[in-house]
Amino acid sequence: MGELNQIPKHHQSKAPWKERFKRYAVGIPIFLIFYVVLILLYLYPHWPTDLVGWFILIVVGIPISLCVEWVGEILFSERIGLRISGKKFSVTRIVFSLFVFLVIAGVLALFWFVFGPFIRQHFR
């Protein structure tokens, strides 16, 4: 009998906008802090020396980090891996992964070659 009085999930109203706002107001800063700390650990011993350096770290570093993670997650997922080769261990998959890594490293190296002199002056 208790089951008849329950409202199905698809009929329940979504959280009020204030609740969603609070979730984002807490979640986004935590997310940004987490990624800034990760990038700082990666860049160690180089640190931003001024406001422009911190701006570069946040506005450029976080999107590049997320993009590389996203591409890696897609390319190295089980679905894509099985498309390349159905075996658990595959030389084809290793060669594909190496090729993708070299392309990503090449794009990042080109980015550094073009923008490095500007970025370098804002880090010690």
PDB file of N, CA and C in Angstrom:
ATOM      1  N   MET A   1       0.812  -1.199   0.000  1.00  0.00           N
ATOM      2  CA  MET A   1       0.000   0.000   0.000  1.00  0.00           C
ATOM      3  C   MET A   1       0.853   1.261   0.000  1.00  0.00           C
ATOM      4  N   GLY A   2       1.987   1.244   0.693  1.00  0.00           N
ATOM      5  CA  GLY A   2       2.853   2.408   0.763  1.00  0.00           C
ATOM      6  C   GLY A   2       3.401   2.774  -0.604  1.00  0.00           C
ATOM      7  N   GLU A   3       3.518   1.781  -1.507  1.00  0.00           N
ATOM      8  CA  GLU A   3       4.067   2.035  -2.835  1.00  0.00           C
ATOM      9  C   GLU A   3       3.118   2.870  -3.691  1.00  0.00           C
ATOM     10  N   LEU A   4       1.826   2.774  -3.448  1.00  0.00           N
ATOM     11  CA  LEU A   4       0.861   3.532  -4.242  1.00  0.00           C
ATOM     12  C   LEU A   4       0.957   5.028  -3.973  1.00  0.00           C
ATOM     13  N   ASN A   5       1.399   5.418  -2.783  1.00  0.00           N
ATOM     14  CA  ASN A   5       1.470   6.827  -2.426  1.00  0.00           C
ATOM     15  C   ASN A   5       2.765   7.500  -2.891  1.00  0.00           C
ATOM     16  N   GLN A   6       3.731   6.706  -3.374  1.00  0.00           N
ATOM     17  CA  GLN A   6       5.007   7.293  -3.804  1.00  0.00           C
ATOM     18  C   GLN A   6       4.860   7.925  -5.186  1.00  0.00           C
ATOM     19  N   ILE A   7       5.458   9.079  -5.345  1.00  0.00           N
ATOM     20  CA  ILE A   7       5.420   9.786  -6.629  1.00  0.00           C
ATOM     21  C   ILE A   7       6.571   9.261  -7.472  1.00  0.00           C
ATOM     22  N   PRO A   8       6.288   8.867  -8.722  1.00  0.00           N
ATOM     23  CA  PRO A   8       7.373   8.380  -9.590  1.00  0.00           C
ATOM     24  C   PRO A   8       8.436   9.458  -9.771  1.00  0.00           C
ATOM     25  N   LYS A   9       9.689   9.005  -9.977  1.00  0.00           N
ATOM     26  CA  LYS A   9      10.820   9.921 -10.121  1.00  0.00           C
ATOM     27  C   LYS A   9      10.590  10.941 -11.230  1.00  0.00           C
ATOM     28  N   HIS A  10      10.038  10.524 -12.366  1.00  0.00           N
ATOM     29  CA  HIS A  10       9.882  11.448 -13.489  1.00  0.00           C
ATOM     30  C   HIS A  10       8.796  12.495 -13.236  1.00  0.00           C
ATOM     31  N   HIS A  11       7.979  12.329 -12.181  1.00  0.00           N
ATOM     32  CA  HIS A  11       6.965  13.323 -11.835  1.00  0.00           C
ATOM     33  C   HIS A  11       7.411  14.251 -10.704  1.00  0.00           C
ATOM     34  N   GLN A  12       8.515  13.888 -10.042  1.00  0.00           N
ATOM     35  CA  GLN A  12       8.997  14.733  -8.951  1.00  0.00           C
ATOM     36  C   GLN A  12       9.626  15.990  -9.540  1.00  0.00           C
ATOM     37  N   SER A  13       9.428  17.110  -8.863  1.00  0.00           N
ATOM     38  CA  SER A  13      10.001  18.362  -9.355  1.00  0.00           C
ATOM     39  C   SER A  13      11.499  18.365  -9.123  1.00  0.00           C
ATOM     40  N   LYS A  14      12.199  19.079  -9.972  1.00  0.00           N
ATOM     41  CA  LYS A  14      13.644  19.202  -9.834  1.00  0.00           C
ATOM     42  C   LYS A  14      13.932  20.102  -8.638  1.00  0.00           C
ATOM     43  N   ALA A  15      15.201  20.034  -8.197  1.00  0.00           N
ATOM     44  CA  ALA A  15      15.599  20.873  -7.069  1.00  0.00           C
ATOM     45  C   ALA A  15      15.360  22.329  -7.430  1.00  0.00           C
ATOM     46  N   PRO A  16      14.900  23.135  -6.487  1.00  0.00           N
ATOM     47  CA  PRO A  16      14.707  24.552  -6.769  1.00  0.00           C
ATOM     48  C   PRO A  16      16.010  25.190  -7.235  1.00  0.00           C
ATOM     49  N   TRP A  17      15.889  26.281  -7.953  1.00  0.00           N
ATOM     50  CA  TRP A  17      17.074  26.914  -8.537  1.00  0.00           C
ATOM     51  C   TRP A  17      18.081  27.330  -7.466  1.00  0.00           C
ATOM     52  N   LYS A  18      17.607  27.641  -6.267  1.00  0.00           N
ATOM     53  CA  LYS A  18      18.529  28.027  -5.196  1.00  0.00           C
ATOM     54  C   LYS A  18      19.412  26.848  -4.788  1.00  0.00           C
ATOM     55  N   GLU A  19      18.823  25.666  -4.749  1.00  0.00           N
ATOM     56  CA  GLU A  19      19.594  24.465  -4.394  1.00  0.00           C
ATOM     57  C   GLU A  19      20.648  24.180  -5.463  1.00  0.00           C
ATOM     58  N   ARG A  20      20.241  24.275  -6.724  1.00  0.00           N
ATOM     59  CA  ARG A  20      21.202  24.047  -7.812  1.00  0.00           C
ATOM     60  C   ARG A  20      22.296  25.099  -7.789  1.00  0.00           C
ATOM     61  N   PHE A  21      21.934  26.351  -7.520  1.00  0.00           N
ATOM     62  CA  PHE A  21      22.915  27.430  -7.452  1.00  0.00           C
ATOM     63  C   PHE A  21      23.929  27.157  -6.344  1.00  0.00           C
ATOM     64  N   LYS A  22      23.444  26.713  -5.181  1.00  0.00           N
ATOM     65  CA  LYS A  22      24.348  26.404  -4.070  1.00  0.00           C
ATOM     66  C   LYS A  22      25.310  25.280  -4.452  1.00  0.00           C
ATOM     67  N   ARG A  23      24.790  24.256  -5.146  1.00  0.00           N
ATOM     68  CA  ARG A  23      25.630  23.148  -5.566  1.00  0.00           C
ATOM     69  C   ARG A  23      26.746  23.623  -6.492  1.00  0.00           C
ATOM     70  N   TYR A  24      26.380  24.468  -7.464  1.00  0.00           N
ATOM     71  CA  TYR A  24      27.382  24.990  -8.391  1.00  0.00           C
ATOM     72  C   TYR A  24      28.310  25.980  -7.704  1.00  0.00           C
ATOM     73  N   ALA A  25      27.787  26.790  -6.791  1.00  0.00           N
ATOM     74  CA  ALA A  25      28.601  27.786  -6.098  1.00  0.00           C
ATOM     75  C   ALA A  25      29.671  27.116  -5.233  1.00  0.00           C
ATOM     76  N   VAL A  26      29.410  25.917  -4.776  1.00  0.00           N
ATOM     77  CA  VAL A  26      30.397  25.176  -3.995  1.00  0.00           C
ATOM     78  C   VAL A  26      31.246  24.292  -4.913  1.00  0.00           C
ATOM     79  N   GLY A  27      30.611  23.656  -5.873  1.00  0.00           N
ATOM     80  CA  GLY A  27      31.294  22.685  -6.726  1.00  0.00           C
ATOM     81  C   GLY A  27      32.318  23.284  -7.669  1.00  0.00           C
ATOM     82  N   ILE A  28      31.994  24.393  -8.300  1.00  0.00           N
ATOM     83  CA  ILE A  28      32.911  24.984  -9.283  1.00  0.00           C
ATOM     84  C   ILE A  28      34.205  25.470  -8.626  1.00  0.00           C
ATOM     85  N   PRO A  29      34.158  26.193  -7.502  1.00  0.00           N
ATOM     86  CA  PRO A  29      35.433  26.574  -6.871  1.00  0.00           C
ATOM     87  C   PRO A  29      36.268  25.369  -6.421  1.00  0.00           C
ATOM     88  N   ILE A  30      35.619  24.322  -5.903  1.00  0.00           N
ATOM     89  CA  ILE A  30      36.356  23.119  -5.505  1.00  0.00           C
ATOM     90  C   ILE A  30      37.025  22.498  -6.723  1.00  0.00           C
ATOM     91  N   PHE A  31      36.292  22.418  -7.826  1.00  0.00           N
ATOM     92  CA  PHE A  31      36.823  21.883  -9.077  1.00  0.00           C
ATOM     93  C   PHE A  31      38.020  22.705  -9.545  1.00  0.00           C
ATOM     94  N   LEU A  32      37.904  24.040  -9.535  1.00  0.00           N
ATOM     95  CA  LEU A  32      38.992  24.912  -9.980  1.00  0.00           C
ATOM     96  C   LEU A  32      40.217  24.767  -9.087  1.00  0.00           C
ATOM     97  N   ILE A  33      40.010  24.720  -7.792  1.00  0.00           N
ATOM     98  CA  ILE A  33      41.133  24.567  -6.859  1.00  0.00           C
ATOM     99  C   ILE A  33      41.839  23.239  -7.094  1.00  0.00           C
ATOM    100  N   PHE A  34      41.066  22.181  -7.290  1.00  0.00           N
ATOM    101  CA  PHE A  34      41.630  20.855  -7.539  1.00  0.00           C
ATOM    102  C   PHE A  34      42.518  20.881  -8.787  1.00  0.00           C
ATOM    103  N   TYR A  35      42.021  21.444  -9.871  1.00  0.00           N
ATOM    104  CA  TYR A  35      42.801  21.471 -11.102  1.00  0.00           C
ATOM    105  C   TYR A  35      43.991  22.416 -11.022  1.00  0.00           C
ATOM    106  N   VAL A  36      43.859  23.525 -10.339  1.00  0.00           N
ATOM    107  CA  VAL A  36      45.000  24.437 -10.178  1.00  0.00           C
ATOM    108  C   VAL A  36      46.102  23.733  -9.388  1.00  0.00           C
ATOM    109  N   VAL A  37      45.741  23.017  -8.323  1.00  0.00           N
ATOM    110  CA  VAL A  37      46.739  22.282  -7.538  1.00  0.00           C
ATOM    111  C   VAL A  37      47.405  21.214  -8.404  1.00  0.00           C
ATOM    112  N   LEU A  38      46.624  20.483  -9.194  1.00  0.00           N
ATOM    113  CA  LEU A  38      47.212  19.475 -10.080  1.00  0.00           C
ATOM    114  C   LEU A  38      48.186  20.100 -11.070  1.00  0.00           C
ATOM    115  N   ILE A  39      47.811  21.207 -11.666  1.00  0.00           N
ATOM    116  CA  ILE A  39      48.677  21.868 -12.641  1.00  0.00           C
ATOM    117  C   ILE A  39      49.926  22.409 -11.956  1.00  0.00           C
ATOM    118  N   LEU A  40      49.783  22.970 -10.757  1.00  0.00           N
ATOM    119  CA  LEU A  40      50.950  23.456 -10.024  1.00  0.00           C
ATOM    120  C   LEU A  40      51.916  22.319  -9.680  1.00  0.00           C
ATOM    121  N   LEU A  41      51.361  21.166  -9.311  1.00  0.00           N
ATOM    122  CA  LEU A  41      52.219  20.008  -9.044  1.00  0.00           C
ATOM    123  C   LEU A  41      52.946  19.569 -10.313  1.00  0.00           C
ATOM    124  N   TYR A  42      52.258  19.623 -11.420  1.00  0.00           N
ATOM    125  CA  TYR A  42      52.872  19.247 -12.698  1.00  0.00           C
ATOM    126  C   TYR A  42      53.971  20.242 -13.090  1.00  0.00           C
ATOM    127  N   LEU A  43      53.746  21.530 -12.855  1.00  0.00           N
ATOM    128  CA  LEU A  43      54.689  22.564 -13.257  1.00  0.00           C
ATOM    129  C   LEU A  43      55.862  22.734 -12.284  1.00  0.00           C
ATOM    130  N   TYR A  44      55.767  22.148 -11.088  1.00  0.00           N
ATOM    131  CA  TYR A  44      56.798  22.341 -10.071  1.00  0.00           C
ATOM    132  C   TYR A  44      58.171  22.140 -10.666  1.00  0.00           C
ATOM    133  N   PRO A  45      59.118  23.002 -10.468  1.00  0.00           N
ATOM    134  CA  PRO A  45      59.272  24.094  -9.528  1.00  0.00           C
ATOM    135  C   PRO A  45      58.902  25.462 -10.102  1.00  0.00           C
ATOM    136  N   HIS A  46      58.205  25.501 -11.205  1.00  0.00           N
ATOM    137  CA  HIS A  46      57.826  26.781 -11.812  1.00  0.00           C
ATOM    138  C   HIS A  46      56.479  27.232 -11.263  1.00  0.00           C
ATOM    139  N   TRP A  47      56.418  28.492 -10.815  1.00  0.00           N
ATOM    140  CA  TRP A  47      55.204  29.047 -10.229  1.00  0.00           C
ATOM    141  C   TRP A  47      54.853  30.352 -10.918  1.00  0.00           C
ATOM    142  N   PRO A  48      53.582  30.693 -10.968  1.00  0.00           N
ATOM    143  CA  PRO A  48      53.204  32.007 -11.505  1.00  0.00           C
ATOM    144  C   PRO A  48      53.787  33.110 -10.609  1.00  0.00           C
ATOM    145  N   THR A  49      54.301  34.173 -11.238  1.00  0.00           N
ATOM    146  CA  THR A  49      54.909  35.247 -10.461  1.00  0.00           C
ATOM    147  C   THR A  49      54.014  36.472 -10.341  1.00  0.00           C
ATOM    148  N   ASP A  50      52.976  36.543 -11.162  1.00  0.00           N
ATOM    149  CA  ASP A  50      52.106  37.715 -11.126  1.00  0.00           C
ATOM    150  C   ASP A  50      50.682  37.309 -11.489  1.00  0.00           C
ATOM    151  N   LEU A  51      49.817  38.298 -11.519  1.00  0.00           N
ATOM    152  CA  LEU A  51      48.403  38.048 -11.811  1.00  0.00           C
ATOM    153  C   LEU A  51      48.198  37.460 -13.208  1.00  0.00           C
ATOM    154  N   VAL A  52      48.989  37.919 -14.166  1.00  0.00           N
ATOM    155  CA  VAL A  52      48.886  37.390 -15.539  1.00  0.00           C
ATOM    156  C   VAL A  52      49.258  35.910 -15.553  1.00  0.00           C
ATOM    157  N   GLY A  53      50.267  35.533 -14.793  1.00  0.00           N
ATOM    158  CA  GLY A  53      50.658  34.124 -14.697  1.00  0.00           C
ATOM    159  C   GLY A  53      49.546  33.260 -14.136  1.00  0.00           C
ATOM    160  N   TRP A  54      48.890  33.745 -13.090  1.00  0.00           N
ATOM    161  CA  TRP A  54      47.761  32.994 -12.518  1.00  0.00           C
ATOM    162  C   TRP A  54      46.601  32.931 -13.512  1.00  0.00           C
ATOM    163  N   PHE A  55      46.375  34.017 -14.226  1.00  0.00           N
ATOM    164  CA  PHE A  55      45.322  34.037 -15.241  1.00  0.00           C
ATOM    165  C   PHE A  55      45.616  32.996 -16.327  1.00  0.00           C
ATOM    166  N   ILE A  56      46.866  32.947 -16.779  1.00  0.00           N
ATOM    167  CA  ILE A  56      47.266  31.956 -17.796  1.00  0.00           C
ATOM    168  C   ILE A  56      47.074  30.555 -17.245  1.00  0.00           C
ATOM    169  N   LEU A  57      47.501  30.350 -16.014  1.00  0.00           N
ATOM    170  CA  LEU A  57      47.380  29.026 -15.401  1.00  0.00           C
ATOM    171  C   LEU A  57      45.926  28.558 -15.366  1.00  0.00           C
ATOM    172  N   ILE A  58      45.020  29.458 -14.997  1.00  0.00           N
ATOM    173  CA  ILE A  58      43.613  29.073 -14.854  1.00  0.00           C
ATOM    174  C   ILE A  58      42.902  29.041 -16.202  1.00  0.00           C
ATOM    175  N   VAL A  59      43.071  30.092 -17.011  1.00  0.00           N
ATOM    176  CA  VAL A  59      42.296  30.202 -18.261  1.00  0.00           C
ATOM    177  C   VAL A  59      42.847  29.311 -19.370  1.00  0.00           C
ATOM    178  N   VAL A  60      44.143  29.041 -19.366  1.00  0.00           N
ATOM    179  CA  VAL A  60      44.730  28.195 -20.404  1.00  0.00           C
ATOM    180  C   VAL A  60      44.998  26.788 -19.865  1.00  0.00           C
ATOM    181  N   GLY A  61      45.545  26.720 -18.664  1.00  0.00           N
ATOM    182  CA  GLY A  61      45.953  25.434 -18.108  1.00  0.00           C
ATOM    183  C   GLY A  61      44.809  24.471 -17.850  1.00  0.00           C
ATOM    184  N   ILE A  62      43.744  24.964 -17.263  1.00  0.00           N
ATOM    185  CA  ILE A  62      42.618  24.077 -16.937  1.00  0.00           C
ATOM    186  C   ILE A  62      41.945  23.534 -18.206  1.00  0.00           C
ATOM    187  N   PRO A  63      41.611  24.378 -19.198  1.00  0.00           N
ATOM    188  CA  PRO A  63      41.011  23.811 -20.410  1.00  0.00           C
ATOM    189  C   PRO A  63      41.925  22.830 -21.152  1.00  0.00           C
ATOM    190  N   ILE A  64      43.226  23.115 -21.213  1.00  0.00           N
ATOM    191  CA  ILE A  64      44.138  22.181 -21.883  1.00  0.00           C
ATOM    192  C   ILE A  64      44.177  20.865 -21.118  1.00  0.00           C
ATOM    193  N   SER A  65      44.255  20.935 -19.801  1.00  0.00           N
ATOM    194  CA  SER A  65      44.265  19.726 -18.981  1.00  0.00           C
ATOM    195  C   SER A  65      42.989  18.909 -19.174  1.00  0.00           C
ATOM    196  N   LEU A  66      41.849  19.584 -19.153  1.00  0.00           N
ATOM    197  CA  LEU A  66      40.573  18.880 -19.353  1.00  0.00           C
ATOM    198  C   LEU A  66      40.476  18.285 -20.750  1.00  0.00           C
ATOM    199  N   CYS A  67      40.960  19.020 -21.742  1.00  0.00           N
ATOM    200  CA  CYS A  67      40.911  18.539 -23.130  1.00  0.00           C
ATOM    201  C   CYS A  67      41.757  17.273 -23.290  1.00  0.00           C
ATOM    202  N   VAL A  68      42.962  17.287 -22.745  1.00  0.00           N
ATOM    203  CA  VAL A  68      43.836  16.118 -22.845  1.00  0.00           C
ATOM    204  C   VAL A  68      43.207  14.931 -22.120  1.00  0.00           C
ATOM    205  N   GLU A  69      42.630  15.165 -20.953  1.00  0.00           N
ATOM    206  CA  GLU A  69      41.940  14.088 -20.231  1.00  0.00           C
ATOM    207  C   GLU A  69      40.769  13.537 -21.035  1.00  0.00           C
ATOM    208  N   TRP A  70      39.979  14.430 -21.611  1.00  0.00           N
ATOM    209  CA  TRP A  70      38.803  14.026 -22.388  1.00  0.00           C
ATOM    210  C   TRP A  70      39.209  13.196 -23.598  1.00  0.00           C
ATOM    211  N   VAL A  71      40.223  13.643 -24.320  1.00  0.00           N
ATOM    212  CA  VAL A  71      40.688  12.902 -25.502  1.00  0.00           C
ATOM    213  C   VAL A  71      41.220  11.540 -25.072  1.00  0.00           C
ATOM    214  N   GLY A  72      41.993  11.511 -23.999  1.00  0.00           N
ATOM    215  CA  GLY A  72      42.513  10.237 -23.508  1.00  0.00           C
ATOM    216  C   GLY A  72      41.414   9.286 -23.083  1.00  0.00           C
ATOM    217  N   GLU A  73      40.399   9.822 -22.423  1.00  0.00           N
ATOM    218  CA  GLU A  73      39.283   8.986 -21.976  1.00  0.00           C
ATOM    219  C   GLU A  73      38.526   8.395 -23.159  1.00  0.00           C
ATOM    220  N   ILE A  74      38.341   9.189 -24.199  1.00  0.00           N
ATOM    221  CA  ILE A  74      37.627   8.700 -25.379  1.00  0.00           C
ATOM    222  C   ILE A  74      38.468   7.683 -26.138  1.00  0.00           C
ATOM    223  N   LEU A  75      39.713   8.050 -26.434  1.00  0.00           N
ATOM    224  CA  LEU A  75      40.552   7.196 -27.267  1.00  0.00           C
ATOM    225  C   LEU A  75      40.943   5.896 -26.594  1.00  0.00           C
ATOM    226  N   PHE A  76      41.082   5.910 -25.292  1.00  0.00           N
ATOM    227  CA  PHE A  76      41.524   4.711 -24.603  1.00  0.00           C
ATOM    228  C   PHE A  76      40.391   4.003 -23.869  1.00  0.00           C
ATOM    229  N   SER A  77      39.167   4.294 -24.274  1.00  0.00           N
ATOM    230  CA  SER A  77      38.027   3.600 -23.688  1.00  0.00           C
ATOM    231  C   SER A  77      37.981   2.168 -24.220  1.00  0.00           C
ATOM    232  N   GLU A  78      37.251   1.340 -23.527  1.00  0.00           N
ATOM    233  CA  GLU A  78      37.152  -0.069 -23.916  1.00  0.00           C
ATOM    234  C   GLU A  78      36.518  -0.205 -25.302  1.00  0.00           C
ATOM    235  N   ARG A  79      35.514   0.608 -25.570  1.00  0.00           N
ATOM    236  CA  ARG A  79      34.816   0.545 -26.859  1.00  0.00           C
ATOM    237  C   ARG A  79      35.769   0.829 -28.025  1.00  0.00           C
ATOM    238  N   ILE A  80      36.542   1.892 -27.919  1.00  0.00           N
ATOM    239  CA  ILE A  80      37.489   2.241 -28.984  1.00  0.00           C
ATOM    240  C   ILE A  80      38.608   1.209 -29.028  1.00  0.00           C
ATOM    241  N   GLY A  81      39.053   0.757 -27.860  1.00  0.00           N
ATOM    242  CA  GLY A  81      40.111  -0.248 -27.809  1.00  0.00           C
ATOM    243  C   GLY A  81      39.716  -1.529 -28.510  1.00  0.00           C
ATOM    244  N   LEU A  82      38.484  -1.965 -28.327  1.00  0.00           N
ATOM    245  CA  LEU A  82      38.020  -3.182 -28.990  1.00  0.00           C
ATOM    246  C   LEU A  82      37.843  -2.981 -30.494  1.00  0.00           C
ATOM    247  N   ARG A  83      37.570  -1.741 -30.904  1.00  0.00           N
ATOM    248  CA  ARG A  83      37.478  -1.452 -32.336  1.00  0.00           C
ATOM    249  C   ARG A  83      38.843  -1.590 -33.011  1.00  0.00           C
ATOM    250  N   ILE A  84      39.874  -1.149 -32.296  1.00  0.00           N
ATOM    251  CA  ILE A  84      41.229  -1.231 -32.845  1.00  0.00           C
ATOM    252  C   ILE A  84      41.675  -2.677 -32.894  1.00  0.00           C
ATOM    253  N   SER A  85      41.462  -3.393 -31.800  1.00  0.00           N
ATOM    254  CA  SER A  85      41.832  -4.799 -31.734  1.00  0.00           C
ATOM    255  C   SER A  85      41.027  -5.461 -30.630  1.00  0.00           C
ATOM    256  N   GLY A  86      40.543  -6.669 -30.895  1.00  0.00           N
ATOM    257  CA  GLY A  86      39.730  -7.396 -29.924  1.00  0.00           C
ATOM    258  C   GLY A  86      40.553  -8.111 -28.865  1.00  0.00           C
ATOM    259  N   LYS A  87      41.874  -8.137 -29.023  1.00  0.00           N
ATOM    260  CA  LYS A  87      42.735  -8.843 -28.068  1.00  0.00           C
ATOM    261  C   LYS A  87      42.969  -7.984 -26.833  1.00  0.00           C
ATOM    262  N   LYS A  88      43.273  -8.678 -25.707  1.00  0.00           N
ATOM    263  CA  LYS A  88      43.585  -7.927 -24.483  1.00  0.00           C
ATOM    264  C   LYS A  88      44.901  -7.169 -24.635  1.00  0.00           C
ATOM    265  N   PHE A  89      45.902  -7.804 -25.213  1.00  0.00           N
ATOM    266  CA  PHE A  89      47.190  -7.167 -25.468  1.00  0.00           C
ATOM    267  C   PHE A  89      47.366  -7.089 -26.972  1.00  0.00           C
ATOM    268  N   SER A  90      47.575  -5.898 -27.471  1.00  0.00           N
ATOM    269  CA  SER A  90      47.669  -5.721 -28.911  1.00  0.00           C
ATOM    270  C   SER A  90      48.748  -4.703 -29.264  1.00  0.00           C
ATOM    271  N   VAL A  91      49.636  -5.095 -30.163  1.00  0.00           N
ATOM    272  CA  VAL A  91      50.671  -4.185 -30.651  1.00  0.00           C
ATOM    273  C   VAL A  91      50.007  -3.044 -31.417  1.00  0.00           C
ATOM    274  N   THR A  92      48.914  -3.332 -32.126  1.00  0.00           N
ATOM    275  CA  THR A  92      48.191  -2.298 -32.874  1.00  0.00           C
ATOM    276  C   THR A  92      47.690  -1.215 -31.925  1.00  0.00           C
ATOM    277  N   ARG A  93      47.140  -1.629 -30.789  1.00  0.00           N
ATOM    278  CA  ARG A  93      46.643  -0.659 -29.813  1.00  0.00           C
ATOM    279  C   ARG A  93      47.777   0.183 -29.236  1.00  0.00           C
ATOM    280  N   ILE A  94      48.922  -0.449 -28.990  1.00  0.00           N
ATOM    281  CA  ILE A  94      50.078   0.268 -28.457  1.00  0.00           C
ATOM    282  C   ILE A  94      50.581   1.286 -29.483  1.00  0.00           C
ATOM    283  N   VAL A  95      50.669   0.901 -30.737  1.00  0.00           N
ATOM    284  CA  VAL A  95      51.126   1.809 -31.790  1.00  0.00           C
ATOM    285  C   VAL A  95      50.135   2.968 -31.943  1.00  0.00           C
ATOM    286  N   PHE A  96      48.847   2.657 -31.914  1.00  0.00           N
ATOM    287  CA  PHE A  96      47.830   3.711 -31.999  1.00  0.00           C
ATOM    288  C   PHE A  96      47.965   4.687 -30.838  1.00  0.00           C
ATOM    289  N   SER A  97      48.138   4.166 -29.626  1.00  0.00           N
ATOM    290  CA  SER A  97      48.282   5.018 -28.442  1.00  0.00           C
ATOM    291  C   SER A  97      49.530   5.889 -28.552  1.00  0.00           C
ATOM    292  N   LEU A  98      50.621   5.305 -29.029  1.00  0.00           N
ATOM    293  CA  LEU A  98      51.856   6.071 -29.200  1.00  0.00           C
ATOM    294  C   LEU A  98      51.659   7.181 -30.231  1.00  0.00           C
ATOM    295  N   PHE A  99      50.973   6.868 -31.321  1.00  0.00           N
ATOM    296  CA  PHE A  99      50.703   7.872 -32.357  1.00  0.00           C
ATOM    297  C   PHE A  99      49.865   9.020 -31.789  1.00  0.00           C
ATOM    298  N   VAL A 100      48.811   8.690 -31.055  1.00  0.00           N
ATOM    299  CA  VAL A 100      47.956   9.723 -30.460  1.00  0.00           C
ATOM    300  C   VAL A 100      48.760  10.566 -29.476  1.00  0.00           C
ATOM    301  N   PHE A 101      49.573   9.927 -28.654  1.00  0.00           N
ATOM    302  CA  PHE A 101      50.404  10.666 -27.704  1.00  0.00           C
ATOM    303  C   PHE A 101      51.349  11.620 -28.436  1.00  0.00           C
ATOM    304  N   LEU A 102      51.967  11.153 -29.506  1.00  0.00           N
ATOM    305  CA  LEU A 102      52.889  12.010 -30.249  1.00  0.00           C
ATOM    306  C   LEU A 102      52.175  13.189 -30.902  1.00  0.00           C
ATOM    307  N   VAL A 103      50.958  12.975 -31.392  1.00  0.00           N
ATOM    308  CA  VAL A 103      50.185  14.079 -31.978  1.00  0.00           C
ATOM    309  C   VAL A 103      49.858  15.111 -30.904  1.00  0.00           C
ATOM    310  N   ILE A 104      49.378  14.655 -29.749  1.00  0.00           N
ATOM    311  CA  ILE A 104      49.041  15.581 -28.660  1.00  0.00           C
ATOM    312  C   ILE A 104      50.299  16.314 -28.187  1.00  0.00           C
ATOM    313  N   ALA A 105      51.401  15.584 -28.019  1.00  0.00           N
ATOM    314  CA  ALA A 105      52.656  16.210 -27.591  1.00  0.00           C
ATOM    315  C   ALA A 105      53.128  17.219 -28.635  1.00  0.00           C
ATOM    316  N   GLY A 106      52.947  16.902 -29.919  1.00  0.00           N
ATOM    317  CA  GLY A 106      53.334  17.828 -30.986  1.00  0.00           C
ATOM    318  C   GLY A 106      52.512  19.102 -30.962  1.00  0.00           C
ATOM    319  N   VAL A 107      51.206  18.970 -30.753  1.00  0.00           N
ATOM    320  CA  VAL A 107      50.335  20.150 -30.685  1.00  0.00           C
ATOM    321  C   VAL A 107      50.720  21.016 -29.484  1.00  0.00           C
ATOM    322  N   LEU A 108      50.961  20.388 -28.338  1.00  0.00           N
ATOM    323  CA  LEU A 108      51.370  21.144 -27.148  1.00  0.00           C
ATOM    324  C   LEU A 108      52.742  21.782 -27.334  1.00  0.00           C
ATOM    325  N   ALA A 109      53.666  21.088 -28.008  1.00  0.00           N
ATOM    326  CA  ALA A 109      54.990  21.664 -28.274  1.00  0.00           C
ATOM    327  C   ALA A 109      54.870  22.865 -29.211  1.00  0.00           C
ATOM    328  N   LEU A 110      54.008  22.759 -30.217  1.00  0.00           N
ATOM    329  CA  LEU A 110      53.781  23.890 -31.117  1.00  0.00           C
ATOM    330  C   LEU A 110      53.185  25.072 -30.356  1.00  0.00           C
ATOM    331  N   PHE A 111      52.236  24.789 -29.483  1.00  0.00           N
ATOM    332  CA  PHE A 111      51.640  25.825 -28.636  1.00  0.00           C
ATOM    333  C   PHE A 111      52.726  26.507 -27.804  1.00  0.00           C
ATOM    334  N   TRP A 112      53.624  25.702 -27.206  1.00  0.00           N
ATOM    335  CA  TRP A 112      54.691  26.253 -26.384  1.00  0.00           C
ATOM    336  C   TRP A 112      55.668  27.066 -27.229  1.00  0.00           C
ATOM    337  N   PHE A 113      55.964  26.591 -28.435  1.00  0.00           N
ATOM    338  CA  PHE A 113      56.881  27.305 -29.327  1.00  0.00           C
ATOM    339  C   PHE A 113      56.330  28.680 -29.680  1.00  0.00           C
ATOM    340  N   VAL A 114      55.027  28.750 -29.935  1.00  0.00           N
ATOM    341  CA  VAL A 114      54.406  30.015 -30.328  1.00  0.00           C
ATOM    342  C   VAL A 114      54.206  30.934 -29.122  1.00  0.00           C
ATOM    343  N   PHE A 115      53.668  30.403 -28.037  1.00  0.00           N
ATOM    344  CA  PHE A 115      53.299  31.245 -26.897  1.00  0.00           C
ATOM    345  C   PHE A 115      54.288  31.186 -25.728  1.00  0.00           C
ATOM    346  N   GLY A 116      55.273  30.300 -25.772  1.00  0.00           N
ATOM    347  CA  GLY A 116      56.223  30.123 -24.679  1.00  0.00           C
ATOM    348  C   GLY A 116      56.946  31.386 -24.236  1.00  0.00           C
ATOM    349  N   PRO A 117      57.475  32.189 -25.192  1.00  0.00           N
ATOM    350  CA  PRO A 117      58.185  33.404 -24.755  1.00  0.00           C
ATOM    351  C   PRO A 117      57.283  34.361 -23.950  1.00  0.00           C
ATOM    352  N   PHE A 118      56.021  34.453 -24.305  1.00  0.00           N
ATOM    353  CA  PHE A 118      55.110  35.306 -23.547  1.00  0.00           C
ATOM    354  C   PHE A 118      54.790  34.692 -22.185  1.00  0.00           C
ATOM    355  N   ILE A 119      54.534  33.379 -22.171  1.00  0.00           N
ATOM    356  CA  ILE A 119      54.148  32.708 -20.935  1.00  0.00           C
ATOM    357  C   ILE A 119      55.318  32.641 -19.954  1.00  0.00           C
ATOM    358  N   ARG A 120      56.504  32.367 -20.470  1.00  0.00           N
ATOM    359  CA  ARG A 120      57.694  32.158 -19.627  1.00  0.00           C
ATOM    360  C   ARG A 120      57.976  33.361 -18.722  1.00  0.00           C
ATOM    361  N   GLN A 121      57.722  34.561 -19.204  1.00  0.00           N
ATOM    362  CA  GLN A 121      58.042  35.755 -18.411  1.00  0.00           C
ATOM    363  C   GLN A 121      57.140  35.908 -17.179  1.00  0.00           C
ATOM    364  N   HIS A 122      56.050  35.161 -17.113  1.00  0.00           N
ATOM    365  CA  HIS A 122      55.125  35.257 -15.984  1.00  0.00           C
ATOM    366  C   HIS A 122      55.270  34.112 -14.979  1.00  0.00           C
ATOM    367  N   PHE A 123      56.292  33.274 -15.196  1.00  0.00           N
ATOM    368  CA  PHE A 123      56.562  32.150 -14.293  1.00  0.00           C
ATOM    369  C   PHE A 123      58.026  32.189 -13.900  1.00  0.00           C
ATOM    370  N   ARG A 124      58.324  31.751 -12.707  1.00  0.00           N
ATOM    371  CA  ARG A 124      59.738  31.697 -12.287  1.00  0.00           C
ATOM    372  C   ARG A 124      60.182  30.274 -12.228  1.00  0.00           C
TER     373      ARG A 124
END
